[in-house]
Amino acid sequence: MSSSTFIVNFVGQATPATIKNLASVTHENGGKWLVSKVNFIEDNVAAVIKIELPTQNAQAVKDAFTGQPDLLVQITDTDQHKHENEEIFQLRLDANDRAGIVNEITQFLDGQDIRILDMDCHRVFIAGGGGIGSSLFTANMALKIPPAMKIEDVANELEALSEDTRVILES
């Protein structure tokens, strides 16, 4: 039996029940979500999902996604799932929030030929004494680095972006 792999990305209005229904349709058609990133902001969703399923059922699942009235959907056929032997490094970066911090991080990583596989950023407001507040920025990242590079050196360089930046390597 041949299988098809494609990536669905969509934005629009949806509920968790909408996503659950799309996952059920995929499962009912013998498919699985290989990778999924689904983010809700209020009643809006933005998602990227890589799906693998039997070729004869691919159109039914594609139709289920494109048939959602409040979602803008794009589907891209892709190659089968491939496993790579390269090591993936997980790290967390914490710093005082400031304008351009994401740009600083991505510029540094790109300049070192480091691939960002995933980057999840959060800002948390911290109320201080006397009515003064600040924000803490946290980025959880999955990275692939060039073979000659050491992850500890990357962490040290990221910490050098500002004196309040801390990087924690996670297993």
N, C-alpha and C. Protein backbone atom coordinates (compact mmCIF):
# COMPACT_ATOMS: atom_id res chain seq x y z
N MET A 1 0.85 -1.17 0.00
CA MET A 1 0.00 0.00 0.00
C MET A 1 0.90 1.23 0.00
N SER A 2 0.64 2.17 -0.91
CA SER A 2 1.46 3.38 -0.96
C SER A 2 0.90 4.42 0.00
N SER A 3 1.79 5.28 0.45
CA SER A 3 1.36 6.32 1.38
C SER A 3 1.73 7.69 0.84
N SER A 4 1.00 8.68 1.29
CA SER A 4 1.22 10.07 0.91
C SER A 4 1.57 10.87 2.16
N THR A 5 2.39 11.88 1.96
CA THR A 5 2.75 12.78 3.04
C THR A 5 2.54 14.20 2.55
N PHE A 6 1.90 15.02 3.38
CA PHE A 6 1.70 16.42 3.03
C PHE A 6 1.68 17.27 4.28
N ILE A 7 1.88 18.56 4.07
CA ILE A 7 1.85 19.52 5.16
C ILE A 7 0.64 20.42 4.97
N VAL A 8 -0.14 20.55 6.01
CA VAL A 8 -1.30 21.43 6.03
C VAL A 8 -0.96 22.60 6.95
N ASN A 9 -1.12 23.82 6.45
CA ASN A 9 -1.03 24.95 7.37
C ASN A 9 -2.29 25.77 7.21
N PHE A 10 -2.75 26.30 8.34
CA PHE A 10 -4.00 27.06 8.30
C PHE A 10 -4.05 28.10 9.40
N VAL A 11 -4.85 29.15 9.14
CA VAL A 11 -5.12 30.20 10.11
C VAL A 11 -6.60 30.53 10.02
N GLY A 12 -7.14 31.04 11.10
CA GLY A 12 -8.53 31.46 11.11
C GLY A 12 -9.18 31.21 12.45
N GLN A 13 -10.49 31.18 12.43
CA GLN A 13 -11.24 30.97 13.66
C GLN A 13 -11.55 29.49 13.82
N ALA A 14 -11.28 28.98 14.99
CA ALA A 14 -11.54 27.57 15.28
C ALA A 14 -11.54 27.37 16.78
N THR A 15 -12.01 26.20 17.19
CA THR A 15 -12.01 25.83 18.59
C THR A 15 -11.18 24.55 18.74
N PRO A 16 -10.83 24.18 19.95
CA PRO A 16 -10.16 22.89 20.12
C PRO A 16 -10.98 21.73 19.56
N ALA A 17 -12.30 21.85 19.57
CA ALA A 17 -13.15 20.80 19.01
C ALA A 17 -12.94 20.66 17.50
N THR A 18 -12.68 21.78 16.82
CA THR A 18 -12.39 21.74 15.38
C THR A 18 -11.14 20.92 15.13
N ILE A 19 -10.09 21.17 15.92
CA ILE A 19 -8.82 20.46 15.76
C ILE A 19 -9.02 18.97 16.08
N LYS A 20 -9.78 18.69 17.13
CA LYS A 20 -10.06 17.29 17.49
C LYS A 20 -10.79 16.57 16.36
N ASN A 21 -11.73 17.25 15.73
CA ASN A 21 -12.47 16.66 14.62
C ASN A 21 -11.53 16.37 13.44
N LEU A 22 -10.64 17.29 13.11
CA LEU A 22 -9.70 17.08 12.01
C LEU A 22 -8.74 15.92 12.31
N ALA A 23 -8.33 15.81 13.57
CA ALA A 23 -7.47 14.68 13.97
C ALA A 23 -8.23 13.37 13.84
N SER A 24 -9.50 13.37 14.20
CA SER A 24 -10.32 12.16 14.09
C SER A 24 -10.48 11.74 12.63
N VAL A 25 -10.74 12.71 11.75
CA VAL A 25 -10.88 12.39 10.33
C VAL A 25 -9.59 11.78 9.80
N THR A 26 -8.46 12.34 10.22
CA THR A 26 -7.16 11.81 9.79
C THR A 26 -7.02 10.36 10.27
N HIS A 27 -7.30 10.12 11.54
CA HIS A 27 -7.18 8.78 12.13
C HIS A 27 -8.13 7.78 11.45
N GLU A 28 -9.37 8.21 11.21
CA GLU A 28 -10.36 7.33 10.57
C GLU A 28 -9.93 6.92 9.17
N ASN A 29 -9.07 7.73 8.54
CA ASN A 29 -8.59 7.43 7.19
C ASN A 29 -7.21 6.79 7.21
N GLY A 30 -6.82 6.24 8.36
CA GLY A 30 -5.56 5.51 8.47
C GLY A 30 -4.33 6.39 8.53
N GLY A 31 -4.52 7.66 8.85
CA GLY A 31 -3.40 8.59 8.88
C GLY A 31 -2.92 8.92 10.27
N LYS A 32 -1.79 9.63 10.31
CA LYS A 32 -1.24 10.10 11.58
C LYS A 32 -0.59 11.45 11.36
N TRP A 33 -0.62 12.25 12.41
CA TRP A 33 0.05 13.55 12.40
C TRP A 33 1.49 13.32 12.85
N LEU A 34 2.43 13.44 11.93
CA LEU A 34 3.84 13.23 12.26
C LEU A 34 4.39 14.37 13.10
N VAL A 35 4.02 15.59 12.73
CA VAL A 35 4.45 16.79 13.45
C VAL A 35 3.25 17.72 13.48
N SER A 36 3.01 18.34 14.62
CA SER A 36 1.91 19.32 14.67
C SER A 36 2.28 20.46 15.60
N LYS A 37 2.04 21.65 15.12
CA LYS A 37 2.19 22.88 15.90
C LYS A 37 0.87 23.61 15.77
N VAL A 38 0.11 23.66 16.84
CA VAL A 38 -1.19 24.31 16.84
C VAL A 38 -1.18 25.35 17.94
N ASN A 39 -1.42 26.60 17.59
CA ASN A 39 -1.42 27.69 18.57
C ASN A 39 -2.74 28.44 18.52
N PHE A 40 -3.34 28.61 19.68
CA PHE A 40 -4.57 29.38 19.79
C PHE A 40 -4.26 30.72 20.41
N ILE A 41 -4.85 31.76 19.86
CA ILE A 41 -4.85 33.09 20.45
C ILE A 41 -6.31 33.52 20.45
N GLU A 42 -6.89 33.55 21.64
CA GLU A 42 -8.33 33.79 21.80
C GLU A 42 -9.09 32.77 20.96
N ASP A 43 -9.96 33.18 20.03
CA ASP A 43 -10.70 32.20 19.24
C ASP A 43 -10.09 31.99 17.85
N ASN A 44 -8.84 32.39 17.70
CA ASN A 44 -8.13 32.20 16.43
C ASN A 44 -7.07 31.11 16.59
N VAL A 45 -6.74 30.46 15.47
CA VAL A 45 -5.77 29.39 15.49
C VAL A 45 -4.80 29.59 14.33
N ALA A 46 -3.57 29.19 14.54
CA ALA A 46 -2.55 29.10 13.49
C ALA A 46 -1.88 27.75 13.68
N ALA A 47 -1.77 26.97 12.58
CA ALA A 47 -1.27 25.62 12.74
C ALA A 47 -0.48 25.17 11.52
N VAL A 48 0.46 24.25 11.78
CA VAL A 48 1.21 23.55 10.74
C VAL A 48 1.22 22.08 11.16
N ILE A 49 0.76 21.21 10.26
CA ILE A 49 0.65 19.79 10.58
C ILE A 49 1.20 18.97 9.42
N LYS A 50 2.10 18.02 9.71
CA LYS A 50 2.61 17.10 8.70
C LYS A 50 1.87 15.79 8.87
N ILE A 51 1.22 15.34 7.79
CA ILE A 51 0.34 14.17 7.85
C ILE A 51 0.85 13.08 6.90
N GLU A 52 0.80 11.83 7.38
CA GLU A 52 1.12 10.67 6.54
C GLU A 52 -0.08 9.73 6.61
N LEU A 53 -0.52 9.22 5.42
CA LEU A 53 -1.66 8.32 5.37
C LEU A 53 -1.67 7.57 4.04
N PRO A 54 -2.49 6.53 3.94
CA PRO A 54 -2.59 5.80 2.67
C PRO A 54 -3.02 6.74 1.54
N THR A 55 -2.37 6.59 0.39
CA THR A 55 -2.61 7.49 -0.74
C THR A 55 -4.09 7.55 -1.11
N GLN A 56 -4.79 6.41 -1.07
CA GLN A 56 -6.19 6.41 -1.49
C GLN A 56 -7.08 7.23 -0.56
N ASN A 57 -6.62 7.56 0.65
CA ASN A 57 -7.42 8.34 1.60
C ASN A 57 -6.98 9.80 1.71
N ALA A 58 -5.92 10.16 1.00
CA ALA A 58 -5.36 11.51 1.13
C ALA A 58 -6.37 12.59 0.77
N GLN A 59 -7.09 12.41 -0.31
CA GLN A 59 -8.00 13.47 -0.75
C GLN A 59 -9.12 13.71 0.26
N ALA A 60 -9.61 12.67 0.89
CA ALA A 60 -10.68 12.83 1.89
C ALA A 60 -10.20 13.69 3.05
N VAL A 61 -8.97 13.47 3.49
CA VAL A 61 -8.43 14.25 4.61
C VAL A 61 -8.15 15.69 4.16
N LYS A 62 -7.59 15.85 2.98
CA LYS A 62 -7.37 17.21 2.46
C LYS A 62 -8.69 17.97 2.37
N ASP A 63 -9.73 17.30 1.89
CA ASP A 63 -11.05 17.93 1.77
C ASP A 63 -11.61 18.33 3.14
N ALA A 64 -11.34 17.51 4.17
CA ALA A 64 -11.80 17.84 5.52
C ALA A 64 -11.18 19.15 6.00
N PHE A 65 -9.90 19.35 5.70
CA PHE A 65 -9.24 20.59 6.10
C PHE A 65 -9.75 21.77 5.27
N THR A 66 -9.77 21.62 3.95
CA THR A 66 -10.17 22.74 3.09
C THR A 66 -11.66 23.05 3.22
N GLY A 67 -12.43 22.12 3.74
CA GLY A 67 -13.86 22.33 3.91
C GLY A 67 -14.24 23.12 5.15
N GLN A 68 -13.27 23.48 5.97
CA GLN A 68 -13.56 24.27 7.17
C GLN A 68 -13.85 25.72 6.75
N PRO A 69 -15.06 26.23 7.01
CA PRO A 69 -15.47 27.54 6.47
C PRO A 69 -14.69 28.73 7.02
N ASP A 70 -14.17 28.64 8.25
CA ASP A 70 -13.53 29.80 8.85
C ASP A 70 -12.00 29.70 8.87
N LEU A 71 -11.45 28.77 8.09
CA LEU A 71 -10.00 28.59 8.04
C LEU A 71 -9.47 28.84 6.64
N LEU A 72 -8.36 29.54 6.57
CA LEU A 72 -7.61 29.70 5.33
C LEU A 72 -6.57 28.58 5.34
N VAL A 73 -6.67 27.64 4.39
CA VAL A 73 -5.89 26.40 4.40
C VAL A 73 -4.99 26.34 3.18
N GLN A 74 -3.75 25.91 3.40
CA GLN A 74 -2.81 25.64 2.32
C GLN A 74 -2.24 24.24 2.54
N ILE A 75 -2.17 23.45 1.46
CA ILE A 75 -1.67 22.08 1.55
C ILE A 75 -0.51 21.93 0.57
N THR A 76 0.59 21.35 1.06
CA THR A 76 1.78 21.14 0.25
C THR A 76 2.19 19.68 0.35
N ASP A 77 2.24 18.99 -0.79
CA ASP A 77 2.73 17.61 -0.80
C ASP A 77 4.22 17.61 -0.50
N THR A 78 4.69 16.59 0.22
CA THR A 78 6.10 16.53 0.61
C THR A 78 6.58 15.08 0.55
N ASP A 79 7.86 14.89 0.81
CA ASP A 79 8.44 13.55 0.81
C ASP A 79 8.05 12.80 2.07
N GLN A 80 8.28 11.50 2.03
CA GLN A 80 8.04 10.65 3.19
C GLN A 80 8.87 11.15 4.37
N HIS A 81 8.44 10.78 5.55
CA HIS A 81 9.15 11.13 6.78
C HIS A 81 10.57 10.54 6.74
N LYS A 82 11.56 11.38 6.98
CA LYS A 82 12.95 10.91 6.98
C LYS A 82 13.55 11.12 8.36
N HIS A 83 14.31 10.15 8.78
CA HIS A 83 14.99 10.26 10.06
C HIS A 83 16.43 10.71 9.80
N GLU A 84 16.85 11.72 10.55
CA GLU A 84 18.23 12.20 10.40
C GLU A 84 19.03 11.79 11.62
N ASN A 85 20.31 11.57 11.42
CA ASN A 85 21.17 11.16 12.52
C ASN A 85 21.75 12.34 13.29
N GLU A 86 21.51 13.56 12.80
CA GLU A 86 22.06 14.72 13.47
C GLU A 86 21.41 14.90 14.84
N GLU A 87 22.20 15.37 15.78
CA GLU A 87 21.70 15.59 17.12
C GLU A 87 20.93 16.91 17.18
N ILE A 88 19.84 16.91 17.90
CA ILE A 88 19.04 18.11 18.10
C ILE A 88 19.26 18.58 19.53
N PHE A 89 19.57 19.86 19.68
CA PHE A 89 19.83 20.43 21.00
C PHE A 89 18.65 21.27 21.44
N GLN A 90 18.24 21.07 22.70
CA GLN A 90 17.16 21.83 23.30
C GLN A 90 17.77 22.81 24.29
N LEU A 91 17.34 24.07 24.20
CA LEU A 91 17.80 25.03 25.18
C LEU A 91 16.73 26.05 25.49
N ARG A 92 16.88 26.68 26.64
CA ARG A 92 15.97 27.75 27.06
C ARG A 92 16.80 29.00 27.28
N LEU A 93 16.34 30.10 26.73
CA LEU A 93 17.00 31.38 26.91
C LEU A 93 16.07 32.27 27.71
N ASP A 94 16.57 32.85 28.79
CA ASP A 94 15.80 33.80 29.61
C ASP A 94 16.55 35.13 29.62
N ALA A 95 15.79 36.22 29.49
CA ALA A 95 16.39 37.55 29.53
C ALA A 95 15.32 38.57 29.86
N ASN A 96 15.75 39.77 30.27
CA ASN A 96 14.80 40.86 30.39
C ASN A 96 14.30 41.17 28.98
N ASP A 97 12.99 41.35 28.86
CA ASP A 97 12.40 41.62 27.55
C ASP A 97 12.86 43.00 27.05
N ARG A 98 13.07 43.08 25.75
CA ARG A 98 13.45 44.34 25.12
C ARG A 98 13.08 44.27 23.65
N ALA A 99 12.95 45.41 23.05
CA ALA A 99 12.62 45.47 21.63
C ALA A 99 13.74 44.83 20.82
N GLY A 100 13.38 43.98 19.87
CA GLY A 100 14.35 43.38 18.97
C GLY A 100 15.06 42.15 19.47
N ILE A 101 14.66 41.61 20.63
CA ILE A 101 15.38 40.47 21.19
C ILE A 101 15.28 39.23 20.29
N VAL A 102 14.11 38.96 19.71
CA VAL A 102 13.97 37.80 18.82
C VAL A 102 14.86 37.99 17.60
N ASN A 103 14.91 39.21 17.07
CA ASN A 103 15.78 39.49 15.92
C ASN A 103 17.25 39.26 16.27
N GLU A 104 17.68 39.69 17.45
CA GLU A 104 19.07 39.48 17.87
C GLU A 104 19.40 37.99 17.91
N ILE A 105 18.51 37.21 18.49
CA ILE A 105 18.74 35.76 18.63
C ILE A 105 18.81 35.11 17.26
N THR A 106 17.82 35.37 16.41
CA THR A 106 17.77 34.71 15.10
C THR A 106 18.91 35.17 14.20
N GLN A 107 19.31 36.44 14.29
CA GLN A 107 20.45 36.93 13.50
C GLN A 107 21.73 36.20 13.90
N PHE A 108 21.95 36.05 15.20
CA PHE A 108 23.14 35.35 15.67
C PHE A 108 23.15 33.91 15.17
N LEU A 109 22.03 33.20 15.38
CA LEU A 109 21.97 31.79 14.99
C LEU A 109 22.15 31.62 13.49
N ASP A 110 21.49 32.46 12.72
CA ASP A 110 21.61 32.39 11.26
C ASP A 110 23.05 32.67 10.82
N GLY A 111 23.70 33.63 11.46
CA GLY A 111 25.09 33.96 11.13
C GLY A 111 26.07 32.84 11.42
N GLN A 112 25.68 31.90 12.28
CA GLN A 112 26.52 30.76 12.63
C GLN A 112 26.10 29.48 11.89
N ASP A 113 25.19 29.60 10.93
CA ASP A 113 24.63 28.46 10.20
C ASP A 113 23.96 27.44 11.11
N ILE A 114 23.31 27.94 12.15
CA ILE A 114 22.58 27.10 13.08
C ILE A 114 21.11 27.09 12.65
N ARG A 115 20.56 25.88 12.49
CA ARG A 115 19.16 25.74 12.08
C ARG A 115 18.25 25.75 13.29
N ILE A 116 17.26 26.63 13.24
CA ILE A 116 16.23 26.66 14.28
C ILE A 116 15.12 25.72 13.83
N LEU A 117 14.92 24.63 14.55
CA LEU A 117 13.86 23.68 14.23
C LEU A 117 12.55 24.10 14.88
N ASP A 118 12.65 24.71 16.05
CA ASP A 118 11.47 25.15 16.77
C ASP A 118 11.89 26.26 17.72
N MET A 119 11.06 27.28 17.81
CA MET A 119 11.33 28.38 18.74
C MET A 119 10.00 28.85 19.28
N ASP A 120 9.82 28.69 20.58
CA ASP A 120 8.57 29.05 21.24
C ASP A 120 8.90 30.15 22.25
N CYS A 121 8.38 31.36 22.01
CA CYS A 121 8.72 32.52 22.84
C CYS A 121 7.54 32.95 23.69
N HIS A 122 7.87 33.40 24.91
CA HIS A 122 6.85 33.90 25.84
C HIS A 122 7.38 35.14 26.53
N ARG A 123 6.47 36.05 26.82
CA ARG A 123 6.79 37.23 27.60
C ARG A 123 5.88 37.23 28.83
N VAL A 124 6.47 37.46 29.99
CA VAL A 124 5.72 37.46 31.24
C VAL A 124 5.96 38.78 31.93
N PHE A 125 4.88 39.48 32.27
CA PHE A 125 4.99 40.75 32.98
C PHE A 125 5.25 40.48 34.45
N ILE A 126 6.21 41.20 35.01
CA ILE A 126 6.57 41.05 36.42
C ILE A 126 6.35 42.39 37.09
N ALA A 127 5.44 42.42 38.05
CA ALA A 127 5.17 43.65 38.77
C ALA A 127 6.22 43.84 39.85
N GLY A 128 6.78 45.03 39.91
CA GLY A 128 7.80 45.32 40.91
C GLY A 128 7.26 46.23 41.98
N GLY A 129 8.07 46.49 42.98
CA GLY A 129 7.69 47.40 44.05
C GLY A 129 7.56 48.82 43.52
N GLY A 130 6.68 49.61 44.11
CA GLY A 130 6.52 51.00 43.72
C GLY A 130 5.82 51.18 42.38
N GLY A 131 5.13 50.14 41.91
CA GLY A 131 4.39 50.27 40.66
C GLY A 131 5.25 50.13 39.41
N ILE A 132 6.52 49.83 39.57
CA ILE A 132 7.40 49.66 38.42
C ILE A 132 7.37 48.20 38.00
N GLY A 133 7.19 47.96 36.73
CA GLY A 133 7.12 46.59 36.25
C GLY A 133 8.08 46.37 35.10
N SER A 134 8.31 45.11 34.81
CA SER A 134 9.17 44.76 33.68
C SER A 134 8.63 43.45 33.10
N SER A 135 9.23 43.05 32.00
CA SER A 135 8.83 41.80 31.37
C SER A 135 10.02 40.87 31.26
N LEU A 136 9.75 39.57 31.45
CA LEU A 136 10.75 38.54 31.28
C LEU A 136 10.48 37.85 29.96
N PHE A 137 11.50 37.66 29.16
CA PHE A 137 11.40 36.99 27.87
C PHE A 137 11.99 35.60 28.02
N THR A 138 11.27 34.59 27.54
CA THR A 138 11.77 33.22 27.54
C THR A 138 11.57 32.62 26.16
N ALA A 139 12.62 31.97 25.64
CA ALA A 139 12.53 31.27 24.36
C ALA A 139 13.00 29.83 24.57
N ASN A 140 12.14 28.88 24.24
CA ASN A 140 12.52 27.47 24.22
C ASN A 140 12.82 27.12 22.77
N MET A 141 14.02 26.58 22.53
CA MET A 141 14.47 26.35 21.16
C MET A 141 14.98 24.93 20.96
N ALA A 142 14.76 24.43 19.75
CA ALA A 142 15.36 23.18 19.29
C ALA A 142 16.27 23.57 18.13
N LEU A 143 17.55 23.22 18.23
CA LEU A 143 18.55 23.66 17.25
C LEU A 143 19.36 22.51 16.69
N LYS A 144 19.80 22.66 15.45
CA LYS A 144 20.82 21.79 14.86
C LYS A 144 22.01 22.68 14.56
N ILE A 145 23.16 22.26 15.06
CA ILE A 145 24.36 23.07 14.88
C ILE A 145 25.34 22.36 13.95
N PRO A 146 26.24 23.14 13.30
CA PRO A 146 27.24 22.51 12.44
C PRO A 146 28.10 21.52 13.24
N PRO A 147 28.59 20.45 12.59
CA PRO A 147 29.33 19.40 13.29
C PRO A 147 30.56 19.89 14.06
N ALA A 148 31.24 20.91 13.59
CA ALA A 148 32.45 21.38 14.25
C ALA A 148 32.16 22.26 15.46
N MET A 149 30.92 22.58 15.69
CA MET A 149 30.54 23.51 16.75
C MET A 149 30.12 22.75 18.00
N LYS A 150 30.36 23.36 19.17
CA LYS A 150 29.92 22.78 20.44
C LYS A 150 28.75 23.60 20.97
N ILE A 151 27.74 22.92 21.49
CA ILE A 151 26.54 23.59 21.98
C ILE A 151 26.86 24.52 23.16
N GLU A 152 27.87 24.17 23.95
CA GLU A 152 28.25 25.04 25.07
C GLU A 152 28.75 26.39 24.56
N ASP A 153 29.48 26.39 23.42
CA ASP A 153 29.96 27.64 22.84
C ASP A 153 28.79 28.48 22.32
N VAL A 154 27.81 27.82 21.74
CA VAL A 154 26.61 28.52 21.27
C VAL A 154 25.90 29.17 22.45
N ALA A 155 25.74 28.43 23.54
CA ALA A 155 25.08 28.95 24.74
C ALA A 155 25.84 30.17 25.28
N ASN A 156 27.16 30.09 25.33
CA ASN A 156 27.97 31.21 25.83
C ASN A 156 27.81 32.44 24.94
N GLU A 157 27.77 32.23 23.62
CA GLU A 157 27.60 33.36 22.69
C GLU A 157 26.21 33.99 22.84
N LEU A 158 25.21 33.16 23.03
CA LEU A 158 23.87 33.70 23.25
C LEU A 158 23.80 34.50 24.54
N GLU A 159 24.46 34.00 25.59
CA GLU A 159 24.48 34.74 26.86
C GLU A 159 25.21 36.07 26.72
N ALA A 160 26.12 36.16 25.76
CA ALA A 160 26.86 37.41 25.55
C ALA A 160 26.02 38.48 24.85
N LEU A 161 24.83 38.14 24.39
CA LEU A 161 23.97 39.14 23.73
C LEU A 161 23.62 40.27 24.69
N SER A 162 23.47 39.96 25.98
CA SER A 162 23.26 40.99 27.00
C SER A 162 23.65 40.40 28.35
N GLU A 163 23.97 41.27 29.29
CA GLU A 163 24.46 40.75 30.57
C GLU A 163 23.37 40.08 31.40
N ASP A 164 22.09 40.27 31.05
CA ASP A 164 21.02 39.63 31.81
C ASP A 164 20.51 38.35 31.14
N THR A 165 21.15 37.92 30.06
CA THR A 165 20.70 36.72 29.33
C THR A 165 21.30 35.47 29.95
N ARG A 166 20.45 34.46 30.18
CA ARG A 166 20.88 33.18 30.69
C ARG A 166 20.38 32.09 29.77
N VAL A 167 21.23 31.11 29.49
CA VAL A 167 20.86 29.98 28.63
C VAL A 167 21.00 28.70 29.43
N ILE A 168 19.98 27.87 29.37
CA ILE A 168 19.97 26.59 30.06
C ILE A 168 19.86 25.50 29.01
N LEU A 169 20.83 24.61 29.00
CA LEU A 169 20.80 23.46 28.07
C LEU A 169 19.91 22.39 28.69
N GLU A 170 18.99 21.88 27.89
CA GLU A 170 18.09 20.86 28.37
C GLU A 170 18.39 19.56 27.67
N SER A 171 18.10 18.44 28.32
CA SER A 171 18.43 17.15 27.72
C SER A 171 17.39 16.72 26.71
